[in-house]
C-alpha atoms as a PDB file:
ATOM      1  CA  MET A   1       0.000   0.000   0.000  1.00  0.00           C
ATOM      2  CA  LYS A   2       1.371   3.359  -1.000  1.00  0.00           C
ATOM      3  CA  ALA A   3       1.432   6.204   1.518  1.00  0.00           C
ATOM      4  CA  MET A   4      -0.928   9.123   0.999  1.00  0.00           C
ATOM      5  CA  ARG A   5       0.713  12.107  -0.670  1.00  0.00           C
ATOM      6  CA  MET A   6       0.450  15.564   0.848  1.00  0.00           C
ATOM      7  CA  THR A   7       1.657  19.047   0.079  1.00  0.00           C
ATOM      8  CA  LEU A   8       4.435  20.826   1.905  1.00  0.00           C
ATOM      9  CA  ASP A   9       1.883  23.430   2.993  1.00  0.00           C
ATOM     10  CA  GLN A  10      -0.239  20.695   4.591  1.00  0.00           C
ATOM     11  CA  LEU A  11       2.826  19.342   6.413  1.00  0.00           C
ATOM     12  CA  ASN A  12       3.778  22.786   7.649  1.00  0.00           C
ATOM     13  CA  ARG A  13       0.277  23.344   9.079  1.00  0.00           C
ATOM     14  CA  MET A  14      -0.142  19.925  10.739  1.00  0.00           C
ATOM     15  CA  PRO A  15      -0.013  19.556  14.498  1.00  0.00           C
ATOM     16  CA  ALA A  16       3.381  18.166  15.537  1.00  0.00           C
ATOM     17  CA  ASP A  17       2.003  14.686  16.260  1.00  0.00           C
ATOM     18  CA  ALA A  18       0.413  14.469  12.794  1.00  0.00           C
ATOM     19  CA  PHE A  19       3.665  15.691  11.204  1.00  0.00           C
ATOM     20  CA  VAL A  20       5.565  12.939  13.038  1.00  0.00           C
ATOM     21  CA  ALA A  21       2.948  10.355  12.065  1.00  0.00           C
ATOM     22  CA  ALA A  22       3.275  11.404   8.417  1.00  0.00           C
ATOM     23  CA  LEU A  23       7.087  11.478   8.340  1.00  0.00           C
ATOM     24  CA  GLY A  24       8.069   9.101  11.140  1.00  0.00           C
ATOM     25  CA  GLY A  25       8.974   6.349   8.660  1.00  0.00           C
ATOM     26  CA  VAL A  26      11.230   8.485   6.481  1.00  0.00           C
ATOM     27  CA  PHE A  27      14.189   7.442   8.640  1.00  0.00           C
ATOM     28  CA  GLU A  28      13.769   3.716   9.364  1.00  0.00           C
ATOM     29  CA  HIS A  29      12.206   3.085  12.794  1.00  0.00           C
ATOM     30  CA  SER A  30      13.501   6.502  13.925  1.00  0.00           C
ATOM     31  CA  PRO A  31      10.573   8.920  14.337  1.00  0.00           C
ATOM     32  CA  TRP A  32      12.799  11.090  16.567  1.00  0.00           C
ATOM     33  CA  VAL A  33      14.186  12.654  13.371  1.00  0.00           C
ATOM     34  CA  ALA A  34      10.699  13.857  12.410  1.00  0.00           C
ATOM     35  CA  VAL A  35      10.054  15.013  15.987  1.00  0.00           C
ATOM     36  CA  GLU A  36      13.128  17.242  15.854  1.00  0.00           C
ATOM     37  CA  ALA A  37      12.400  18.473  12.326  1.00  0.00           C
ATOM     38  CA  ALA A  38       8.824  19.406  13.272  1.00  0.00           C
ATOM     39  CA  ARG A  39      10.218  22.116  15.546  1.00  0.00           C
ATOM     40  CA  GLN A  40      11.889  23.816  12.573  1.00  0.00           C
ATOM     41  CA  ARG A  41       8.757  24.414  10.509  1.00  0.00           C
ATOM     42  CA  PRO A  42       7.760  25.958   8.209  1.00  0.00           C
ATOM     43  CA  PHE A  43       9.811  24.511   5.354  1.00  0.00           C
ATOM     44  CA  ASP A  44       9.826  26.267   2.006  1.00  0.00           C
ATOM     45  CA  SER A  45      10.887  23.211   0.007  1.00  0.00           C
ATOM     46  CA  ILE A  46      11.402  19.467   0.220  1.00  0.00           C
ATOM     47  CA  ASP A  47      15.128  20.242   0.022  1.00  0.00           C
ATOM     48  CA  ALA A  48      14.874  22.405   3.141  1.00  0.00           C
ATOM     49  CA  LEU A  49      12.937  19.694   4.998  1.00  0.00           C
ATOM     50  CA  HIS A  50      15.464  17.047   3.952  1.00  0.00           C
ATOM     51  CA  ARG A  51      18.396  19.273   5.013  1.00  0.00           C
ATOM     52  CA  ALA A  52      16.768  19.836   8.411  1.00  0.00           C
ATOM     53  CA  MET A  53      16.262  16.103   8.928  1.00  0.00           C
ATOM     54  CA  VAL A  54      19.823  15.314   7.839  1.00  0.00           C
ATOM     55  CA  HIS A  55      21.114  18.026  10.184  1.00  0.00           C
ATOM     56  CA  GLU A  56      19.250  16.394  13.087  1.00  0.00           C
ATOM     57  CA  VAL A  57      20.960  13.071  12.373  1.00  0.00           C
ATOM     58  CA  GLU A  58      24.386  14.658  11.793  1.00  0.00           C
ATOM     59  CA  THR A  59      24.216  16.449  15.154  1.00  0.00           C
ATOM     60  CA  ALA A  60      22.591  13.585  17.084  1.00  0.00           C
ATOM     61  CA  GLY A  61      25.860  12.023  18.212  1.00  0.00           C
ATOM     62  CA  ASP A  62      27.513   8.698  17.495  1.00  0.00           C
ATOM     63  CA  GLU A  63      25.224   6.575  19.674  1.00  0.00           C
ATOM     64  CA  ARG A  64      22.007   7.803  18.107  1.00  0.00           C
ATOM     65  CA  GLN A  65      23.484   7.623  14.596  1.00  0.00           C
ATOM     66  CA  LEU A  66      24.534   4.024  15.160  1.00  0.00           C
ATOM     67  CA  ALA A  67      21.051   3.180  16.486  1.00  0.00           C
ATOM     68  CA  LEU A  68      19.571   4.682  13.313  1.00  0.00           C
ATOM     69  CA  ILE A  69      21.882   2.599  11.139  1.00  0.00           C
ATOM     70  CA  LYS A  70      21.099  -0.542  13.130  1.00  0.00           C
ATOM     71  CA  ALA A  71      17.352   0.111  12.695  1.00  0.00           C
ATOM     72  CA  HIS A  72      17.677  -0.750   8.997  1.00  0.00           C
ATOM     73  CA  PRO A  73      16.904  -4.269   7.830  1.00  0.00           C
ATOM     74  CA  GLU A  74      19.397  -6.424   6.006  1.00  0.00           C
ATOM     75  CA  LEU A  75      18.869  -6.617   2.259  1.00  0.00           C
ATOM     76  CA  ALA A  76      16.942  -9.815   1.500  1.00  0.00           C
ATOM     77  CA  GLY A  77      17.551 -10.729   5.144  1.00  0.00           C
ATOM     78  CA  LYS A  78      15.533 -12.576   7.767  1.00  0.00           C
ATOM     79  CA  ALA A  79      13.011  -9.748   8.233  1.00  0.00           C
ATOM     80  CA  ALA A  80      12.265  -9.787   4.502  1.00  0.00           C
ATOM     81  CA  VAL A  81      11.869 -13.552   4.477  1.00  0.00           C
ATOM     82  CA  ARG A  82       9.489 -13.363   7.464  1.00  0.00           C
ATOM     83  CA  GLY A  83       7.522 -10.437   5.958  1.00  0.00           C
ATOM     84  CA  GLU A  84       8.532  -8.103   8.793  1.00  0.00           C
ATOM     85  CA  LEU A  85       9.855  -5.147   6.780  1.00  0.00           C
ATOM     86  CA  THR A  86       8.262  -1.722   6.976  1.00  0.00           C
ATOM     87  CA  PRO A  87       6.041  -0.921   3.989  1.00  0.00           C
ATOM     88  CA  GLU A  88       8.740   1.488   2.761  1.00  0.00           C
ATOM     89  CA  SER A  89      11.509  -1.134   2.919  1.00  0.00           C
ATOM     90  CA  THR A  90       9.272  -3.751   1.309  1.00  0.00           C
ATOM     91  CA  ARG A  91       8.582  -1.433  -1.656  1.00  0.00           C
ATOM     92  CA  GLU A  92      12.242  -0.494  -1.999  1.00  0.00           C
ATOM     93  CA  GLN A  93      13.611  -4.030  -1.826  1.00  0.00           C
ATOM     94  CA  SER A  94      10.898  -5.360  -4.163  1.00  0.00           C
ATOM     95  CA  GLY A  95      11.550  -2.508  -6.590  1.00  0.00           C
ATOM     96  CA  ALA A  96      15.170  -3.644  -6.831  1.00  0.00           C
ATOM     97  CA  GLY A  97      14.078  -7.238  -7.450  1.00  0.00           C
ATOM     98  CA  LEU A  98      15.356  -8.585  -4.146  1.00  0.00           C
ATOM     99  CA  ASP A  99      12.134 -10.531  -3.732  1.00  0.00           C
ATOM    100  CA  GLN A 100      12.974 -12.410  -6.947  1.00  0.00           C
ATOM    101  CA  CYS A 101      16.502 -13.598  -6.131  1.00  0.00           C
ATOM    102  CA  SER A 102      17.719 -16.884  -7.475  1.00  0.00           C
ATOM    103  CA  GLN A 103      18.925 -19.298  -4.818  1.00  0.00           C
ATOM    104  CA  GLN A 104      22.518 -18.395  -5.728  1.00  0.00           C
ATOM    105  CA  GLU A 105      21.839 -14.646  -5.365  1.00  0.00           C
ATOM    106  CA  PHE A 106      19.962 -15.186  -2.120  1.00  0.00           C
ATOM    107  CA  ASP A 107      22.834 -17.281  -0.729  1.00  0.00           C
ATOM    108  CA  ALA A 108      25.360 -14.606  -1.780  1.00  0.00           C
ATOM    109  CA  LEU A 109      23.313 -11.903  -0.043  1.00  0.00           C
ATOM    110  CA  GLN A 110      23.019 -14.001   3.117  1.00  0.00           C
ATOM    111  CA  ARG A 111      26.788 -14.586   3.140  1.00  0.00           C
ATOM    112  CA  LEU A 112      27.485 -10.885   2.527  1.00  0.00           C
ATOM    113  CA  ASN A 113      24.993  -9.818   5.219  1.00  0.00           C
ATOM    114  CA  ARG A 114      26.702 -12.115   7.732  1.00  0.00           C
ATOM    115  CA  THR A 115      30.239 -11.033   6.750  1.00  0.00           C
ATOM    116  CA  TYR A 116      29.340  -7.349   6.764  1.00  0.00           C
ATOM    117  CA  ARG A 117      27.573  -7.489  10.139  1.00  0.00           C
ATOM    118  CA  GLU A 118      30.467  -9.436  11.698  1.00  0.00           C
ATOM    119  CA  ARG A 119      32.981  -6.944  10.321  1.00  0.00           C
ATOM    120  CA  PHE A 120      31.151  -3.700  11.110  1.00  0.00           C
ATOM    121  CA  GLY A 121      28.492  -4.490  13.725  1.00  0.00           C
ATOM    122  CA  PHE A 122      25.588  -3.081  11.724  1.00  0.00           C
ATOM    123  CA  PRO A 123      23.648  -3.922   8.550  1.00  0.00           C
ATOM    124  CA  PHE A 124      24.711  -2.946   5.041  1.00  0.00           C
ATOM    125  CA  ILE A 125      22.654   0.027   3.870  1.00  0.00           C
ATOM    126  CA  LEU A 126      22.177   0.926   0.235  1.00  0.00           C
ATOM    127  CA  ALA A 127      19.540   3.147  -1.336  1.00  0.00           C
ATOM    128  CA  VAL A 128      18.574   0.425  -3.798  1.00  0.00           C
ATOM    129  CA  ARG A 129      16.536   2.578  -6.181  1.00  0.00           C
ATOM    130  CA  GLY A 130      18.184   2.364  -9.588  1.00  0.00           C
ATOM    131  CA  TYR A 131      20.015  -0.855  -8.739  1.00  0.00           C
ATOM    132  CA  ASP A 132      19.269  -4.392  -9.807  1.00  0.00           C
ATOM    133  CA  ARG A 133      20.242  -7.503  -7.841  1.00  0.00           C
ATOM    134  CA  HIS A 134      23.617  -7.756  -9.612  1.00  0.00           C
ATOM    135  CA  GLY A 135      24.479  -4.120  -8.877  1.00  0.00           C
ATOM    136  CA  ILE A 136      23.460  -4.500  -5.240  1.00  0.00           C
ATOM    137  CA  ILE A 137      25.649  -7.571  -4.802  1.00  0.00           C
ATOM    138  CA  ALA A 138      28.581  -5.832  -6.551  1.00  0.00           C
ATOM    139  CA  SER A 139      28.230  -2.769  -4.298  1.00  0.00           C
ATOM    140  CA  PHE A 140      27.980  -5.029  -1.262  1.00  0.00           C
ATOM    141  CA  GLU A 141      31.141  -6.929  -2.250  1.00  0.00           C
ATOM    142  CA  ALA A 142      33.076  -3.691  -2.781  1.00  0.00           C
ATOM    143  CA  ARG A 143      31.960  -1.981   0.421  1.00  0.00           C
ATOM    144  CA  VAL A 144      32.624  -4.958   2.689  1.00  0.00           C
ATOM    145  CA  GLN A 145      36.320  -4.207   2.039  1.00  0.00           C
ATOM    146  CA  ASN A 146      36.077  -0.696   3.538  1.00  0.00           C
ATOM    147  CA  THR A 147      37.073   0.415   7.021  1.00  0.00           C
ATOM    148  CA  ARG A 148      34.434   0.748   9.731  1.00  0.00           C
ATOM    149  CA  ALA A 149      34.727   4.546   9.634  1.00  0.00           C
ATOM    150  CA  GLU A 150      34.198   4.539   5.867  1.00  0.00           C
ATOM    151  CA  GLU A 151      31.147   2.331   6.253  1.00  0.00           C
ATOM    152  CA  LEU A 152      29.636   4.422   9.036  1.00  0.00           C
ATOM    153  CA  ARG A 153      29.867   7.447   6.728  1.00  0.00           C
ATOM    154  CA  ALA A 154      28.603   5.499   3.709  1.00  0.00           C
ATOM    155  CA  SER A 155      25.704   4.118   5.763  1.00  0.00           C
ATOM    156  CA  LEU A 156      24.634   7.574   6.888  1.00  0.00           C
ATOM    157  CA  ASP A 157      24.929   8.932   3.347  1.00  0.00           C
ATOM    158  CA  GLN A 158      22.842   6.042   2.008  1.00  0.00           C
ATOM    159  CA  THR A 159      20.303   6.619   4.789  1.00  0.00           C
ATOM    160  CA  TYR A 160      19.998  10.236   3.667  1.00  0.00           C
ATOM    161  CA  ARG A 161      19.411   9.114   0.059  1.00  0.00           C
ATOM    162  CA  ILE A 162      16.722   6.694   1.212  1.00  0.00           C
ATOM    163  CA  ALA A 163      15.091   9.465   3.249  1.00  0.00           C
ATOM    164  CA  ARG A 164      15.056  11.803   0.261  1.00  0.00           C
ATOM    165  CA  PHE A 165      13.448   9.159  -1.948  1.00  0.00           C
ATOM    166  CA  ARG A 166      10.819   8.592   0.729  1.00  0.00           C
ATOM    167  CA  LEU A 167      10.113  12.324   1.091  1.00  0.00           C
ATOM    168  CA  ASP A 168       9.699  12.624  -2.676  1.00  0.00           C
ATOM    169  CA  GLU A 169       7.163   9.775  -2.558  1.00  0.00           C
ATOM    170  CA  LEU A 170       5.184  11.456   0.220  1.00  0.00           C
ATOM    171  CA  ILE A 171       5.220  15.145  -0.660  1.00  0.00           C
ATOM    172  CA  ASP A 172       3.959  17.004  -3.702  1.00  0.00           C
ATOM    173  CA  ALA A 173       6.449  19.776  -4.408  1.00  0.00           C
END
Protein backbone atom coordinates (compact mmCIF):
# COMPACT_ATOMS: atom_id res chain seq x y z
CA MET A 1 0.00 0.00 0.00
CA LYS A 2 1.37 3.36 -1.00
CA ALA A 3 1.43 6.20 1.52
CA MET A 4 -0.93 9.12 1.00
CA ARG A 5 0.71 12.11 -0.67
CA MET A 6 0.45 15.56 0.85
CA THR A 7 1.66 19.05 0.08
CA LEU A 8 4.44 20.83 1.90
CA ASP A 9 1.88 23.43 2.99
CA GLN A 10 -0.24 20.70 4.59
CA LEU A 11 2.83 19.34 6.41
CA ASN A 12 3.78 22.79 7.65
CA ARG A 13 0.28 23.34 9.08
CA MET A 14 -0.14 19.93 10.74
CA PRO A 15 -0.01 19.56 14.50
CA ALA A 16 3.38 18.17 15.54
CA ASP A 17 2.00 14.69 16.26
CA ALA A 18 0.41 14.47 12.79
CA PHE A 19 3.67 15.69 11.20
CA VAL A 20 5.57 12.94 13.04
CA ALA A 21 2.95 10.35 12.06
CA ALA A 22 3.28 11.40 8.42
CA LEU A 23 7.09 11.48 8.34
CA GLY A 24 8.07 9.10 11.14
CA GLY A 25 8.97 6.35 8.66
CA VAL A 26 11.23 8.48 6.48
CA PHE A 27 14.19 7.44 8.64
CA GLU A 28 13.77 3.72 9.36
CA HIS A 29 12.21 3.09 12.79
CA SER A 30 13.50 6.50 13.92
CA PRO A 31 10.57 8.92 14.34
CA TRP A 32 12.80 11.09 16.57
CA VAL A 33 14.19 12.65 13.37
CA ALA A 34 10.70 13.86 12.41
CA VAL A 35 10.05 15.01 15.99
CA GLU A 36 13.13 17.24 15.85
CA ALA A 37 12.40 18.47 12.33
CA ALA A 38 8.82 19.41 13.27
CA ARG A 39 10.22 22.12 15.55
CA GLN A 40 11.89 23.82 12.57
CA ARG A 41 8.76 24.41 10.51
CA PRO A 42 7.76 25.96 8.21
CA PHE A 43 9.81 24.51 5.35
CA ASP A 44 9.83 26.27 2.01
CA SER A 45 10.89 23.21 0.01
CA ILE A 46 11.40 19.47 0.22
CA ASP A 47 15.13 20.24 0.02
CA ALA A 48 14.87 22.40 3.14
CA LEU A 49 12.94 19.69 5.00
CA HIS A 50 15.46 17.05 3.95
CA ARG A 51 18.40 19.27 5.01
CA ALA A 52 16.77 19.84 8.41
CA MET A 53 16.26 16.10 8.93
CA VAL A 54 19.82 15.31 7.84
CA HIS A 55 21.11 18.03 10.18
CA GLU A 56 19.25 16.39 13.09
CA VAL A 57 20.96 13.07 12.37
CA GLU A 58 24.39 14.66 11.79
CA THR A 59 24.22 16.45 15.15
CA ALA A 60 22.59 13.58 17.08
CA GLY A 61 25.86 12.02 18.21
CA ASP A 62 27.51 8.70 17.50
CA GLU A 63 25.22 6.57 19.67
CA ARG A 64 22.01 7.80 18.11
CA GLN A 65 23.48 7.62 14.60
CA LEU A 66 24.53 4.02 15.16
CA ALA A 67 21.05 3.18 16.49
CA LEU A 68 19.57 4.68 13.31
CA ILE A 69 21.88 2.60 11.14
CA LYS A 70 21.10 -0.54 13.13
CA ALA A 71 17.35 0.11 12.69
CA HIS A 72 17.68 -0.75 9.00
CA PRO A 73 16.90 -4.27 7.83
CA GLU A 74 19.40 -6.42 6.01
CA LEU A 75 18.87 -6.62 2.26
CA ALA A 76 16.94 -9.81 1.50
CA GLY A 77 17.55 -10.73 5.14
CA LYS A 78 15.53 -12.58 7.77
CA ALA A 79 13.01 -9.75 8.23
CA ALA A 80 12.26 -9.79 4.50
CA VAL A 81 11.87 -13.55 4.48
CA ARG A 82 9.49 -13.36 7.46
CA GLY A 83 7.52 -10.44 5.96
CA GLU A 84 8.53 -8.10 8.79
CA LEU A 85 9.85 -5.15 6.78
CA THR A 86 8.26 -1.72 6.98
CA PRO A 87 6.04 -0.92 3.99
CA GLU A 88 8.74 1.49 2.76
CA SER A 89 11.51 -1.13 2.92
CA THR A 90 9.27 -3.75 1.31
CA ARG A 91 8.58 -1.43 -1.66
CA GLU A 92 12.24 -0.49 -2.00
CA GLN A 93 13.61 -4.03 -1.83
CA SER A 94 10.90 -5.36 -4.16
CA GLY A 95 11.55 -2.51 -6.59
CA ALA A 96 15.17 -3.64 -6.83
CA GLY A 97 14.08 -7.24 -7.45
CA LEU A 98 15.36 -8.58 -4.15
CA ASP A 99 12.13 -10.53 -3.73
CA GLN A 100 12.97 -12.41 -6.95
CA CYS A 101 16.50 -13.60 -6.13
CA SER A 102 17.72 -16.88 -7.48
CA GLN A 103 18.93 -19.30 -4.82
CA GLN A 104 22.52 -18.39 -5.73
CA GLU A 105 21.84 -14.65 -5.37
CA PHE A 106 19.96 -15.19 -2.12
CA ASP A 107 22.83 -17.28 -0.73
CA ALA A 108 25.36 -14.61 -1.78
CA LEU A 109 23.31 -11.90 -0.04
CA GLN A 110 23.02 -14.00 3.12
CA ARG A 111 26.79 -14.59 3.14
CA LEU A 112 27.48 -10.89 2.53
CA ASN A 113 24.99 -9.82 5.22
CA ARG A 114 26.70 -12.12 7.73
CA THR A 115 30.24 -11.03 6.75
CA TYR A 116 29.34 -7.35 6.76
CA ARG A 117 27.57 -7.49 10.14
CA GLU A 118 30.47 -9.44 11.70
CA ARG A 119 32.98 -6.94 10.32
CA PHE A 120 31.15 -3.70 11.11
CA GLY A 121 28.49 -4.49 13.72
CA PHE A 122 25.59 -3.08 11.72
CA PRO A 123 23.65 -3.92 8.55
CA PHE A 124 24.71 -2.95 5.04
CA ILE A 125 22.65 0.03 3.87
CA LEU A 126 22.18 0.93 0.23
CA ALA A 127 19.54 3.15 -1.34
CA VAL A 128 18.57 0.42 -3.80
CA ARG A 129 16.54 2.58 -6.18
CA GLY A 130 18.18 2.36 -9.59
CA TYR A 131 20.02 -0.85 -8.74
CA ASP A 132 19.27 -4.39 -9.81
CA ARG A 133 20.24 -7.50 -7.84
CA HIS A 134 23.62 -7.76 -9.61
CA GLY A 135 24.48 -4.12 -8.88
CA ILE A 136 23.46 -4.50 -5.24
CA ILE A 137 25.65 -7.57 -4.80
CA ALA A 138 28.58 -5.83 -6.55
CA SER A 139 28.23 -2.77 -4.30
CA PHE A 140 27.98 -5.03 -1.26
CA GLU A 141 31.14 -6.93 -2.25
CA ALA A 142 33.08 -3.69 -2.78
CA ARG A 143 31.96 -1.98 0.42
CA VAL A 144 32.62 -4.96 2.69
CA GLN A 145 36.32 -4.21 2.04
CA ASN A 146 36.08 -0.70 3.54
CA THR A 147 37.07 0.41 7.02
CA ARG A 148 34.43 0.75 9.73
CA ALA A 149 34.73 4.55 9.63
CA GLU A 150 34.20 4.54 5.87
CA GLU A 151 31.15 2.33 6.25
CA LEU A 152 29.64 4.42 9.04
CA ARG A 153 29.87 7.45 6.73
CA ALA A 154 28.60 5.50 3.71
CA SER A 155 25.70 4.12 5.76
CA LEU A 156 24.63 7.57 6.89
CA ASP A 157 24.93 8.93 3.35
CA GLN A 158 22.84 6.04 2.01
CA THR A 159 20.30 6.62 4.79
CA TYR A 160 20.00 10.24 3.67
CA ARG A 161 19.41 9.11 0.06
CA ILE A 162 16.72 6.69 1.21
CA ALA A 163 15.09 9.46 3.25
CA ARG A 164 15.06 11.80 0.26
CA PHE A 165 13.45 9.16 -1.95
CA ARG A 166 10.82 8.59 0.73
CA LEU A 167 10.11 12.32 1.09
CA ASP A 168 9.70 12.62 -2.68
CA GLU A 169 7.16 9.78 -2.56
CA LEU A 170 5.18 11.46 0.22
CA ILE A 171 5.22 15.14 -0.66
CA ASP A 172 3.96 17.00 -3.70
CA ALA A 173 6.45 19.78 -4.41
